[in-house]
């Protein structure tokens, strides 16, 4: 296997499933994407219920595992962004507090010198 092909592969192990032990996901060729977008399925396609086969059950199980894995990754990314925003707000508050405390100390020092 070439290393260029291996860059676009992900192996998922230790999955919470009784049927699937390991999943290999092959990603599309790398393209520059401005923003990640979810593709929603058409509601018309979901309404049609085909006859279920045993093979379909295994495919649905694998599909469900991969979609849950991707959603966890997306949730982690969103949480990191929220934490970064919260940390920035705390930084600004602390910076303002430091300026205020410094100015109060300077004023007190000036008042002591005047007396």
PDB file of N, CA and C in Angstrom:
ATOM      1  N   UNK A   1       0.840  -1.169   0.000  1.00  0.00           N
ATOM      2  CA  UNK A   1       0.000   0.000   0.000  1.00  0.00           C
ATOM      3  C   UNK A   1       0.889   1.237   0.000  1.00  0.00           C
ATOM      4  N   UNK A   2       0.593   2.186  -0.842  1.00  0.00           N
ATOM      5  CA  UNK A   2       1.388   3.403  -0.925  1.00  0.00           C
ATOM      6  C   UNK A   2       1.032   4.336   0.224  1.00  0.00           C
ATOM      7  N   UNK A   3       2.002   5.148   0.606  1.00  0.00           N
ATOM      8  CA  UNK A   3       1.736   6.073   1.701  1.00  0.00           C
ATOM      9  C   UNK A   3       0.772   7.173   1.278  1.00  0.00           C
ATOM     10  N   UNK A   4       0.735   7.503  -0.007  1.00  0.00           N
ATOM     11  CA  UNK A   4      -0.203   8.534  -0.457  1.00  0.00           C
ATOM     12  C   UNK A   4      -1.643   8.060  -0.294  1.00  0.00           C
ATOM     13  N   UNK A   5      -1.884   6.776  -0.473  1.00  0.00           N
ATOM     14  CA  UNK A   5      -3.231   6.234  -0.268  1.00  0.00           C
ATOM     15  C   UNK A   5      -3.565   6.118   1.211  1.00  0.00           C
ATOM     16  N   UNK A   6      -2.555   5.907   2.039  1.00  0.00           N
ATOM     17  CA  UNK A   6      -2.803   5.722   3.458  1.00  0.00           C
ATOM     18  C   UNK A   6      -3.178   7.025   4.150  1.00  0.00           C
ATOM     19  N   UNK A   7      -2.856   8.158   3.548  1.00  0.00           N
ATOM     20  CA  UNK A   7      -3.194   9.431   4.162  1.00  0.00           C
ATOM     21  C   UNK A   7      -4.701   9.621   4.239  1.00  0.00           C
ATOM     22  N   UNK A   8      -5.433   9.013   3.343  1.00  0.00           N
ATOM     23  CA  UNK A   8      -6.870   9.205   3.278  1.00  0.00           C
ATOM     24  C   UNK A   8      -7.637   8.038   3.879  1.00  0.00           C
ATOM     25  N   UNK A   9      -7.006   7.300   4.780  1.00  0.00           N
ATOM     26  CA  UNK A   9      -7.671   6.169   5.421  1.00  0.00           C
ATOM     27  C   UNK A   9      -7.703   6.376   6.932  1.00  0.00           C
ATOM     28  N   UNK A  10      -8.810   5.963   7.536  1.00  0.00           N
ATOM     29  CA  UNK A  10      -8.948   6.009   8.991  1.00  0.00           C
ATOM     30  C   UNK A  10      -9.415   4.633   9.443  1.00  0.00           C
ATOM     31  N   UNK A  11      -8.767   4.103  10.466  1.00  0.00           N
ATOM     32  CA  UNK A  11      -9.156   2.806  11.022  1.00  0.00           C
ATOM     33  C   UNK A  11      -9.776   3.057  12.387  1.00  0.00           C
ATOM     34  N   UNK A  12     -11.009   2.632  12.556  1.00  0.00           N
ATOM     35  CA  UNK A  12     -11.714   2.786  13.829  1.00  0.00           C
ATOM     36  C   UNK A  12     -11.709   1.447  14.551  1.00  0.00           C
ATOM     37  N   UNK A  13     -11.173   1.439  15.762  1.00  0.00           N
ATOM     38  CA  UNK A  13     -11.113   0.207  16.551  1.00  0.00           C
ATOM     39  C   UNK A  13     -11.844   0.425  17.863  1.00  0.00           C
ATOM     40  N   UNK A  14     -12.104  -0.652  18.575  1.00  0.00           N
ATOM     41  CA  UNK A  14     -12.789  -0.621  19.868  1.00  0.00           C
ATOM     42  C   UNK A  14     -14.124   0.112  19.777  1.00  0.00           C
ATOM     43  N   UNK A  15     -14.911  -0.263  18.809  1.00  0.00           N
ATOM     44  CA  UNK A  15     -16.209   0.370  18.587  1.00  0.00           C
ATOM     45  C   UNK A  15     -17.258  -0.247  19.512  1.00  0.00           C
ATOM     46  N   UNK A  16     -18.239   0.555  19.934  1.00  0.00           N
ATOM     47  CA  UNK A  16     -19.288   0.025  20.818  1.00  0.00           C
ATOM     48  C   UNK A  16     -20.350  -0.728  20.018  1.00  0.00           C
ATOM     49  N   UNK A  17     -19.975  -1.861  19.474  1.00  0.00           N
ATOM     50  CA  UNK A  17     -20.911  -2.625  18.653  1.00  0.00           C
ATOM     51  C   UNK A  17     -20.703  -4.113  18.887  1.00  0.00           C
ATOM     52  N   UNK A  18     -21.781  -4.860  18.733  1.00  0.00           N
ATOM     53  CA  UNK A  18     -21.680  -6.310  18.863  1.00  0.00           C
ATOM     54  C   UNK A  18     -21.301  -6.960  17.536  1.00  0.00           C
ATOM     55  N   UNK A  19     -21.546  -6.266  16.443  1.00  0.00           N
ATOM     56  CA  UNK A  19     -21.294  -6.840  15.128  1.00  0.00           C
ATOM     57  C   UNK A  19     -19.980  -6.367  14.504  1.00  0.00           C
ATOM     58  N   UNK A  20     -19.656  -5.109  14.681  1.00  0.00           N
ATOM     59  CA  UNK A  20     -18.495  -4.536  14.007  1.00  0.00           C
ATOM     60  C   UNK A  20     -17.345  -4.428  14.998  1.00  0.00           C
ATOM     61  N   UNK A  21     -16.234  -5.067  14.644  1.00  0.00           N
ATOM     62  CA  UNK A  21     -15.072  -5.023  15.518  1.00  0.00           C
ATOM     63  C   UNK A  21     -14.140  -3.885  15.117  1.00  0.00           C
ATOM     64  N   UNK A  22     -13.976  -3.692  13.812  1.00  0.00           N
ATOM     65  CA  UNK A  22     -13.052  -2.699  13.305  1.00  0.00           C
ATOM     66  C   UNK A  22     -13.617  -2.146  12.003  1.00  0.00           C
ATOM     67  N   UNK A  23     -13.469  -0.859  11.792  1.00  0.00           N
ATOM     68  CA  UNK A  23     -13.986  -0.242  10.570  1.00  0.00           C
ATOM     69  C   UNK A  23     -12.860   0.536   9.898  1.00  0.00           C
ATOM     70  N   UNK A  24     -12.771   0.397   8.590  1.00  0.00           N
ATOM     71  CA  UNK A  24     -11.799   1.142   7.806  1.00  0.00           C
ATOM     72  C   UNK A  24     -12.578   2.127   6.950  1.00  0.00           C
ATOM     73  N   UNK A  25     -12.294   3.403   7.128  1.00  0.00           N
ATOM     74  CA  UNK A  25     -12.979   4.454   6.386  1.00  0.00           C
ATOM     75  C   UNK A  25     -11.988   5.040   5.399  1.00  0.00           C
ATOM     76  N   UNK A  26     -12.366   5.048   4.129  1.00  0.00           N
ATOM     77  CA  UNK A  26     -11.519   5.626   3.090  1.00  0.00           C
ATOM     78  C   UNK A  26     -12.130   6.962   2.708  1.00  0.00           C
ATOM     79  N   UNK A  27     -11.349   8.031   2.911  1.00  0.00           N
ATOM     80  CA  UNK A  27     -11.828   9.376   2.656  1.00  0.00           C
ATOM     81  C   UNK A  27     -11.623   9.748   1.192  1.00  0.00           C
ATOM     82  N   UNK A  28     -12.409  10.704   0.742  1.00  0.00           N
ATOM     83  CA  UNK A  28     -12.260  11.198  -0.620  1.00  0.00           C
ATOM     84  C   UNK A  28     -10.921  11.907  -0.748  1.00  0.00           C
ATOM     85  N   UNK A  29     -10.508  12.154  -1.982  1.00  0.00           N
ATOM     86  CA  UNK A  29      -9.235  12.834  -2.194  1.00  0.00           C
ATOM     87  C   UNK A  29      -9.278  14.196  -1.530  1.00  0.00           C
ATOM     88  N   UNK A  30      -8.137  14.603  -1.009  1.00  0.00           N
ATOM     89  CA  UNK A  30      -8.110  15.829  -0.217  1.00  0.00           C
ATOM     90  C   UNK A  30      -8.384  17.042  -1.108  1.00  0.00           C
ATOM     91  N   UNK A  31      -9.372  17.796  -0.728  1.00  0.00           N
ATOM     92  CA  UNK A  31      -9.741  19.019  -1.412  1.00  0.00           C
ATOM     93  C   UNK A  31      -9.785  20.109  -0.362  1.00  0.00           C
ATOM     94  N   UNK A  32      -9.548  21.322  -0.785  1.00  0.00           N
ATOM     95  CA  UNK A  32      -9.602  22.434   0.162  1.00  0.00           C
ATOM     96  C   UNK A  32     -11.054  22.820   0.360  1.00  0.00           C
ATOM     97  N   UNK A  33     -11.505  22.683   1.603  1.00  0.00           N
ATOM     98  CA  UNK A  33     -12.884  22.986   1.947  1.00  0.00           C
ATOM     99  C   UNK A  33     -12.871  24.230   2.820  1.00  0.00           C
ATOM    100  N   UNK A  34     -13.712  25.205   2.486  1.00  0.00           N
ATOM    101  CA  UNK A  34     -13.770  26.430   3.280  1.00  0.00           C
ATOM    102  C   UNK A  34     -14.457  26.183   4.611  1.00  0.00           C
ATOM    103  N   UNK A  35     -15.557  25.440   4.595  1.00  0.00           N
ATOM    104  CA  UNK A  35     -16.309  25.191   5.820  1.00  0.00           C
ATOM    105  C   UNK A  35     -16.931  23.796   5.725  1.00  0.00           C
ATOM    106  N   UNK A  36     -16.859  23.039   6.816  1.00  0.00           N
ATOM    107  CA  UNK A  36     -17.464  21.714   6.823  1.00  0.00           C
ATOM    108  C   UNK A  36     -18.974  21.843   6.846  1.00  0.00           C
ATOM    109  N   UNK A  37     -19.634  21.053   6.024  1.00  0.00           N
ATOM    110  CA  UNK A  37     -21.082  21.084   5.964  1.00  0.00           C
ATOM    111  C   UNK A  37     -21.599  19.653   6.014  1.00  0.00           C
ATOM    112  N   UNK A  38     -22.694  19.495   6.725  1.00  0.00           N
ATOM    113  CA  UNK A  38     -23.338  18.191   6.770  1.00  0.00           C
ATOM    114  C   UNK A  38     -24.280  18.070   5.585  1.00  0.00           C
ATOM    115  N   UNK A  39     -24.355  16.893   5.024  1.00  0.00           N
ATOM    116  CA  UNK A  39     -25.285  16.657   3.931  1.00  0.00           C
ATOM    117  C   UNK A  39     -26.499  15.957   4.514  1.00  0.00           C
ATOM    118  N   UNK A  40     -27.624  16.615   4.435  1.00  0.00           N
ATOM    119  CA  UNK A  40     -28.863  16.054   4.968  1.00  0.00           C
ATOM    120  C   UNK A  40     -29.523  15.185   3.892  1.00  0.00           C
ATOM    121  N   UNK A  41     -30.058  14.062   4.319  1.00  0.00           N
ATOM    122  CA  UNK A  41     -30.740  13.178   3.383  1.00  0.00           C
ATOM    123  C   UNK A  41     -32.115  13.731   3.055  1.00  0.00           C
ATOM    124  N   UNK A  42     -32.555  13.420   1.882  1.00  0.00           N
ATOM    125  CA  UNK A  42     -33.873  13.865   1.441  1.00  0.00           C
ATOM    126  C   UNK A  42     -34.949  13.146   2.248  1.00  0.00           C
ATOM    127  N   UNK A  43     -35.973  13.848   2.644  1.00  0.00           N
ATOM    128  CA  UNK A  43     -37.029  13.218   3.433  1.00  0.00           C
ATOM    129  C   UNK A  43     -37.796  12.197   2.600  1.00  0.00           C
ATOM    130  N   UNK A  44     -37.837  12.403   1.290  1.00  0.00           N
ATOM    131  CA  UNK A  44     -38.517  11.444   0.415  1.00  0.00           C
ATOM    132  C   UNK A  44     -37.803  10.105   0.417  1.00  0.00           C
ATOM    133  N   UNK A  45     -36.480  10.148   0.468  1.00  0.00           N
ATOM    134  CA  UNK A  45     -35.716   8.903   0.474  1.00  0.00           C
ATOM    135  C   UNK A  45     -35.899   8.143   1.781  1.00  0.00           C
ATOM    136  N   UNK A  46     -36.094   8.862   2.864  1.00  0.00           N
ATOM    137  CA  UNK A  46     -36.251   8.207   4.154  1.00  0.00           C
ATOM    138  C   UNK A  46     -37.630   7.586   4.319  1.00  0.00           C
ATOM    139  N   UNK A  47     -38.632   8.124   3.626  1.00  0.00           N
ATOM    140  CA  UNK A  47     -39.988   7.608   3.770  1.00  0.00           C
ATOM    141  C   UNK A  47     -40.149   6.241   3.119  1.00  0.00           C
ATOM    142  N   UNK A  48     -39.422   6.024   2.035  1.00  0.00           N
ATOM    143  CA  UNK A  48     -39.501   4.730   1.353  1.00  0.00           C
ATOM    144  C   UNK A  48     -38.750   3.695   2.175  1.00  0.00           C
ATOM    145  N   UNK A  49     -39.442   2.682   2.605  1.00  0.00           N
ATOM    146  CA  UNK A  49     -38.833   1.640   3.432  1.00  0.00           C
ATOM    147  C   UNK A  49     -38.631   0.385   2.581  1.00  0.00           C
ATOM    148  N   UNK A  50     -37.406   0.123   2.137  1.00  0.00           N
ATOM    149  CA  UNK A  50     -37.177  -1.087   1.351  1.00  0.00           C
ATOM    150  C   UNK A  50     -37.238  -2.326   2.243  1.00  0.00           C
ATOM    151  N   UNK A  51     -37.345  -3.466   1.620  1.00  0.00           N
ATOM    152  CA  UNK A  51     -37.381  -4.722   2.350  1.00  0.00           C
ATOM    153  C   UNK A  51     -36.019  -4.921   3.010  1.00  0.00           C
ATOM    154  N   UNK A  52     -36.040  -5.192   4.309  1.00  0.00           N
ATOM    155  CA  UNK A  52     -34.784  -5.315   5.048  1.00  0.00           C
ATOM    156  C   UNK A  52     -34.194  -6.709   4.847  1.00  0.00           C
ATOM    157  N   UNK A  53     -32.904  -6.706   4.638  1.00  0.00           N
ATOM    158  CA  UNK A  53     -32.165  -7.961   4.495  1.00  0.00           C
ATOM    159  C   UNK A  53     -31.152  -8.020   5.623  1.00  0.00           C
ATOM    160  N   UNK A  54     -30.590  -9.160   5.841  1.00  0.00           N
ATOM    161  CA  UNK A  54     -29.601  -9.303   6.905  1.00  0.00           C
ATOM    162  C   UNK A  54     -28.341  -8.498   6.590  1.00  0.00           C
ATOM    163  N   UNK A  55     -27.964  -8.423   5.331  1.00  0.00           N
ATOM    164  CA  UNK A  55     -26.788  -7.646   4.951  1.00  0.00           C
ATOM    165  C   UNK A  55     -27.020  -6.162   5.206  1.00  0.00           C
ATOM    166  N   UNK A  56     -28.254  -5.717   4.974  1.00  0.00           N
ATOM    167  CA  UNK A  56     -28.571  -4.320   5.210  1.00  0.00           C
ATOM    168  C   UNK A  56     -28.414  -3.971   6.688  1.00  0.00           C
ATOM    169  N   UNK A  57     -28.713  -4.900   7.555  1.00  0.00           N
ATOM    170  CA  UNK A  57     -28.594  -4.657   8.991  1.00  0.00           C
ATOM    171  C   UNK A  57     -27.148  -4.372   9.364  1.00  0.00           C
ATOM    172  N   UNK A  58     -26.238  -5.146   8.822  1.00  0.00           N
ATOM    173  CA  UNK A  58     -24.818  -4.951   9.114  1.00  0.00           C
ATOM    174  C   UNK A  58     -24.339  -3.622   8.551  1.00  0.00           C
ATOM    175  N   UNK A  59     -24.775  -3.282   7.346  1.00  0.00           N
ATOM    176  CA  UNK A  59     -24.390  -2.003   6.757  1.00  0.00           C
ATOM    177  C   UNK A  59     -24.933  -0.832   7.558  1.00  0.00           C
ATOM    178  N   UNK A  60     -26.177  -0.944   8.013  1.00  0.00           N
ATOM    179  CA  UNK A  60     -26.770   0.123   8.823  1.00  0.00           C
ATOM    180  C   UNK A  60     -26.014   0.284  10.144  1.00  0.00           C
ATOM    181  N   UNK A  61     -25.602  -0.827  10.729  1.00  0.00           N
ATOM    182  CA  UNK A  61     -24.843  -0.789  11.977  1.00  0.00           C
ATOM    183  C   UNK A  61     -23.518  -0.063  11.761  1.00  0.00           C
ATOM    184  N   UNK A  62     -22.815  -0.402  10.689  1.00  0.00           N
ATOM    185  CA  UNK A  62     -21.539   0.255  10.390  1.00  0.00           C
ATOM    186  C   UNK A  62     -21.754   1.731  10.079  1.00  0.00           C
ATOM    187  N   UNK A  63     -22.789   2.033   9.348  1.00  0.00           N
ATOM    188  CA  UNK A  63     -23.107   3.420   9.015  1.00  0.00           C
ATOM    189  C   UNK A  63     -23.408   4.228  10.273  1.00  0.00           C
ATOM    190  N   UNK A  64     -24.154   3.633  11.182  1.00  0.00           N
ATOM    191  CA  UNK A  64     -24.491   4.302  12.433  1.00  0.00           C
ATOM    192  C   UNK A  64     -23.236   4.564  13.270  1.00  0.00           C
ATOM    193  N   UNK A  65     -22.327   3.597  13.346  1.00  0.00           N
ATOM    194  CA  UNK A  65     -21.100   3.758  14.112  1.00  0.00           C
ATOM    195  C   UNK A  65     -20.237   4.877  13.551  1.00  0.00           C
ATOM    196  N   UNK A  66     -20.110   4.918  12.250  1.00  0.00           N
ATOM    197  CA  UNK A  66     -19.276   5.939  11.625  1.00  0.00           C
ATOM    198  C   UNK A  66     -19.905   7.311  11.793  1.00  0.00           C
ATOM    199  N   UNK A  67     -21.212   7.399  11.633  1.00  0.00           N
ATOM    200  CA  UNK A  67     -21.862   8.707  11.804  1.00  0.00           C
ATOM    201  C   UNK A  67     -21.757   9.193  13.250  1.00  0.00           C
ATOM    202  N   UNK A  68     -21.855   8.289  14.220  1.00  0.00           N
ATOM    203  CA  UNK A  68     -21.709   8.708  15.615  1.00  0.00           C
ATOM    204  C   UNK A  68     -20.280   9.145  15.899  1.00  0.00           C
ATOM    205  N   UNK A  69     -19.310   8.473  15.302  1.00  0.00           N
ATOM    206  CA  UNK A  69     -17.906   8.853  15.476  1.00  0.00           C
ATOM    207  C   UNK A  69     -17.652  10.251  14.909  1.00  0.00           C
ATOM    208  N   UNK A  70     -18.189  10.522  13.728  1.00  0.00           N
ATOM    209  CA  UNK A  70     -18.018  11.831  13.100  1.00  0.00           C
ATOM    210  C   UNK A  70     -18.717  12.908  13.912  1.00  0.00           C
ATOM    211  N   UNK A  71     -19.908  12.611  14.417  1.00  0.00           N
ATOM    212  CA  UNK A  71     -20.621  13.615  15.218  1.00  0.00           C
ATOM    213  C   UNK A  71     -19.865  13.924  16.509  1.00  0.00           C
ATOM    214  N   UNK A  72     -19.216  12.926  17.112  1.00  0.00           N
ATOM    215  CA  UNK A  72     -18.404  13.178  18.309  1.00  0.00           C
ATOM    216  C   UNK A  72     -17.241  14.101  17.980  1.00  0.00           C
ATOM    217  N   UNK A  73     -16.604  13.893  16.818  1.00  0.00           N
ATOM    218  CA  UNK A  73     -15.505  14.762  16.416  1.00  0.00           C
ATOM    219  C   UNK A  73     -15.981  16.193  16.216  1.00  0.00           C
ATOM    220  N   UNK A  74     -17.140  16.342  15.582  1.00  0.00           N
ATOM    221  CA  UNK A  74     -17.684  17.676  15.355  1.00  0.00           C
ATOM    222  C   UNK A  74     -18.046  18.351  16.675  1.00  0.00           C
ATOM    223  N   UNK A  75     -18.617  17.598  17.605  1.00  0.00           N
ATOM    224  CA  UNK A  75     -18.971  18.160  18.912  1.00  0.00           C
ATOM    225  C   UNK A  75     -17.728  18.607  19.674  1.00  0.00           C
ATOM    226  N   UNK A  76     -16.661  17.810  19.583  1.00  0.00           N
ATOM    227  CA  UNK A  76     -15.414  18.187  20.252  1.00  0.00           C
ATOM    228  C   UNK A  76     -14.869  19.488  19.674  1.00  0.00           C
ATOM    229  N   UNK A  77     -14.958  19.627  18.354  1.00  0.00           N
ATOM    230  CA  UNK A  77     -14.478  20.845  17.702  1.00  0.00           C
ATOM    231  C   UNK A  77     -15.284  22.056  18.157  1.00  0.00           C
ATOM    232  N   UNK A  78     -16.595  21.908  18.248  1.00  0.00           N
ATOM    233  CA  UNK A  78     -17.450  23.005  18.698  1.00  0.00           C
ATOM    234  C   UNK A  78     -17.160  23.362  20.150  1.00  0.00           C
ATOM    235  N   UNK A  79     -16.930  22.364  20.986  1.00  0.00           N
ATOM    236  CA  UNK A  79     -16.630  22.616  22.393  1.00  0.00           C
ATOM    237  C   UNK A  79     -15.302  23.336  22.543  1.00  0.00           C
ATOM    238  N   UNK A  80     -14.310  22.992  21.718  1.00  0.00           N
ATOM    239  CA  UNK A  80     -13.024  23.681  21.775  1.00  0.00           C
ATOM    240  C   UNK A  80     -13.182  25.138  21.393  1.00  0.00           C
ATOM    241  N   UNK A  81     -14.011  25.419  20.406  1.00  0.00           N
ATOM    242  CA  UNK A  81     -14.243  26.803  20.010  1.00  0.00           C
ATOM    243  C   UNK A  81     -14.925  27.577  21.141  1.00  0.00           C
ATOM    244  N   UNK A  82     -15.911  26.969  21.798  1.00  0.00           N
ATOM    245  CA  UNK A  82     -16.599  27.625  22.908  1.00  0.00           C
ATOM    246  C   UNK A  82     -15.632  27.907  24.056  1.00  0.00           C
ATOM    247  N   UNK A  83     -14.765  26.922  24.361  1.00  0.00           N
ATOM    248  CA  UNK A  83     -13.789  27.114  25.433  1.00  0.00           C
ATOM    249  C   UNK A  83     -12.816  28.238  25.095  1.00  0.00           C
ATOM    250  N   UNK A  84     -12.414  28.330  23.827  1.00  0.00           N
ATOM    251  CA  UNK A  84     -11.489  29.389  23.419  1.00  0.00           C
ATOM    252  C   UNK A  84     -12.134  30.760  23.598  1.00  0.00           C
ATOM    253  N   UNK A  85     -13.416  30.872  23.254  1.00  0.00           N
ATOM    254  CA  UNK A  85     -14.124  32.144  23.420  1.00  0.00           C
ATOM    255  C   UNK A  85     -14.244  32.492  24.895  1.00  0.00           C
ATOM    256  N   UNK A  86     -14.591  31.504  25.732  1.00  0.00           N
ATOM    257  CA  UNK A  86     -14.700  31.742  27.170  1.00  0.00           C
ATOM    258  C   UNK A  86     -13.356  32.149  27.768  1.00  0.00           C
ATOM    259  N   UNK A  87     -12.287  31.498  27.348  1.00  0.00           N
ATOM    260  CA  UNK A  87     -10.963  31.842  27.857  1.00  0.00           C
ATOM    261  C   UNK A  87     -10.566  33.252  27.454  1.00  0.00           C
ATOM    262  N   UNK A  88     -10.928  33.658  26.251  1.00  0.00           N
ATOM    263  CA  UNK A  88     -10.609  35.008  25.794  1.00  0.00           C
ATOM    264  C   UNK A  88     -11.358  36.043  26.634  1.00  0.00           C
ATOM    265  N   UNK A  89     -12.621  35.762  26.945  1.00  0.00           N
ATOM    266  CA  UNK A  89     -13.404  36.685  27.781  1.00  0.00           C
ATOM    267  C   UNK A  89     -12.790  36.788  29.178  1.00  0.00           C
ATOM    268  N   UNK A  90     -12.363  35.655  29.754  1.00  0.00           N
ATOM    269  CA  UNK A  90     -11.728  35.668  31.068  1.00  0.00           C
ATOM    270  C   UNK A  90     -10.422  36.461  31.025  1.00  0.00           C
ATOM    271  N   UNK A  91      -9.671  36.299  29.945  1.00  0.00           N
ATOM    272  CA  UNK A  91      -8.418  37.025  29.782  1.00  0.00           C
ATOM    273  C   UNK A  91      -8.667  38.529  29.767  1.00  0.00           C
ATOM    274  N   UNK A  92      -9.683  38.964  29.022  1.00  0.00           N
ATOM    275  CA  UNK A  92      -9.991  40.402  28.948  1.00  0.00           C
ATOM    276  C   UNK A  92     -10.413  40.935  30.316  1.00  0.00           C
ATOM    277  N   UNK A  93     -11.251  40.169  31.044  1.00  0.00           N
ATOM    278  CA  UNK A  93     -11.680  40.586  32.376  1.00  0.00           C
ATOM    279  C   UNK A  93     -10.492  40.713  33.326  1.00  0.00           C
ATOM    280  N   UNK A  94      -9.605  39.743  33.300  1.00  0.00           N
ATOM    281  CA  UNK A  94      -8.433  39.755  34.172  1.00  0.00           C
ATOM    282  C   UNK A  94      -7.504  40.911  33.814  1.00  0.00           C
ATOM    283  N   UNK A  95      -7.367  41.179  32.534  1.00  0.00           N
ATOM    284  CA  UNK A  95      -6.529  42.288  32.078  1.00  0.00           C
ATOM    285  C   UNK A  95      -7.089  43.624  32.572  1.00  0.00           C
ATOM    286  N   UNK A  96      -8.402  43.792  32.459  1.00  0.00           N
ATOM    287  CA  UNK A  96      -9.038  45.015  32.951  1.00  0.00           C
ATOM    288  C   UNK A  96      -8.883  45.150  34.464  1.00  0.00           C
ATOM    289  N   UNK A  97      -9.012  44.044  35.172  1.00  0.00           N
ATOM    290  CA  UNK A  97      -8.827  44.051  36.633  1.00  0.00           C
ATOM    291  C   UNK A  97      -7.398  44.462  36.985  1.00  0.00           C
ATOM    292  N   UNK A  98      -6.438  43.967  36.242  1.00  0.00           N
ATOM    293  CA  UNK A  98      -5.037  44.312  36.507  1.00  0.00           C
ATOM    294  C   UNK A  98      -4.807  45.804  36.286  1.00  0.00           C
ATOM    295  N   UNK A  99      -5.374  46.364  35.211  1.00  0.00           N
ATOM    296  CA  UNK A  99      -5.247  47.813  34.975  1.00  0.00           C
ATOM    297  C   UNK A  99      -5.879  48.613  36.118  1.00  0.00           C
ATOM    298  N   UNK A 100      -7.058  48.189  36.540  1.00  0.00           N
ATOM    299  CA  UNK A 100      -7.759  48.885  37.626  1.00  0.00           C
ATOM    300  C   UNK A 100      -6.964  48.814  38.920  1.00  0.00           C
ATOM    301  N   UNK A 101      -6.455  47.639  39.265  1.00  0.00           N
ATOM    302  CA  UNK A 101      -5.700  47.470  40.507  1.00  0.00           C
ATOM    303  C   UNK A 101      -4.415  48.289  40.469  1.00  0.00           C
ATOM    304  N   UNK A 102      -3.757  48.320  39.317  1.00  0.00           N
ATOM    305  CA  UNK A 102      -2.528  49.098  39.185  1.00  0.00           C
ATOM    306  C   UNK A 102      -2.801  50.587  39.346  1.00  0.00           C
ATOM    307  N   UNK A 103      -3.865  51.063  38.722  1.00  0.00           N
ATOM    308  CA  UNK A 103      -4.186  52.499  38.829  1.00  0.00           C
ATOM    309  C   UNK A 103      -4.556  52.873  40.265  1.00  0.00           C
ATOM    310  N   UNK A 104      -5.263  52.026  40.970  1.00  0.00           N
ATOM    311  CA  UNK A 104      -5.609  52.292  42.375  1.00  0.00           C
ATOM    312  C   UNK A 104      -4.356  52.345  43.235  1.00  0.00           C
ATOM    313  N   UNK A 105      -3.421  51.433  42.984  1.00  0.00           N
ATOM    314  CA  UNK A 105      -2.176  51.429  43.753  1.00  0.00           C
ATOM    315  C   UNK A 105      -1.365  52.689  43.481  1.00  0.00           C
ATOM    316  N   UNK A 106      -1.348  53.150  42.253  1.00  0.00           N
ATOM    317  CA  UNK A 106      -0.608  54.379  41.922  1.00  0.00           C
ATOM    318  C   UNK A 106      -1.244  55.572  42.621  1.00  0.00           C
ATOM    319  N   UNK A 107      -2.577  55.640  42.622  1.00  0.00           N
ATOM    320  CA  UNK A 107      -3.274  56.739  43.293  1.00  0.00           C
ATOM    321  C   UNK A 107      -2.991  56.717  44.792  1.00  0.00           C
ATOM    322  N   UNK A 108      -3.017  55.542  45.397  1.00  0.00           N
ATOM    323  CA  UNK A 108      -2.718  55.439  46.831  1.00  0.00           C
ATOM    324  C   UNK A 108      -1.296  55.886  47.132  1.00  0.00           C
ATOM    325  N   UNK A 109      -0.353  55.507  46.275  1.00  0.00           N
ATOM    326  CA  UNK A 109       1.033  55.894  46.474  1.00  0.00           C
ATOM    327  C   UNK A 109       1.176  57.419  46.370  1.00  0.00           C
ATOM    328  N   UNK A 110       0.455  58.014  45.439  1.00  0.00           N
ATOM    329  CA  UNK A 110       0.520  59.470  45.278  1.00  0.00           C
ATOM    330  C   UNK A 110      -0.077  60.176  46.500  1.00  0.00           C
ATOM    331  N   UNK A 111      -1.154  59.629  47.041  1.00  0.00           N
ATOM    332  CA  UNK A 111      -1.775  60.220  48.222  1.00  0.00           C
ATOM    333  C   UNK A 111      -0.863  60.120  49.445  1.00  0.00           C
ATOM    334  N   UNK A 112      -0.121  59.030  49.556  1.00  0.00           N
ATOM    335  CA  UNK A 112       0.820  58.884  50.679  1.00  0.00           C
ATOM    336  C   UNK A 112       1.981  59.861  50.559  1.00  0.00           C
ATOM    337  N   UNK A 113       2.418  60.114  49.350  1.00  0.00           N
ATOM    338  CA  UNK A 113       3.531  61.044  49.132  1.00  0.00           C
ATOM    339  C   UNK A 113       3.076  62.464  49.443  1.00  0.00           C
ATOM    340  N   UNK A 114       1.840  62.823  49.111  1.00  0.00           N
ATOM    341  CA  UNK A 114       1.319  64.156  49.335  1.00  0.00           C
ATOM    342  C   UNK A 114       1.176  64.431  50.836  1.00  0.00           C
ATOM    343  N   UNK A 115       0.781  63.477  51.625  1.00  0.00           N
ATOM    344  CA  UNK A 115       0.600  63.675  53.073  1.00  0.00           C
ATOM    345  C   UNK A 115       1.922  63.850  53.692  1.00  0.00           C
TER     346      UNK A 115
END
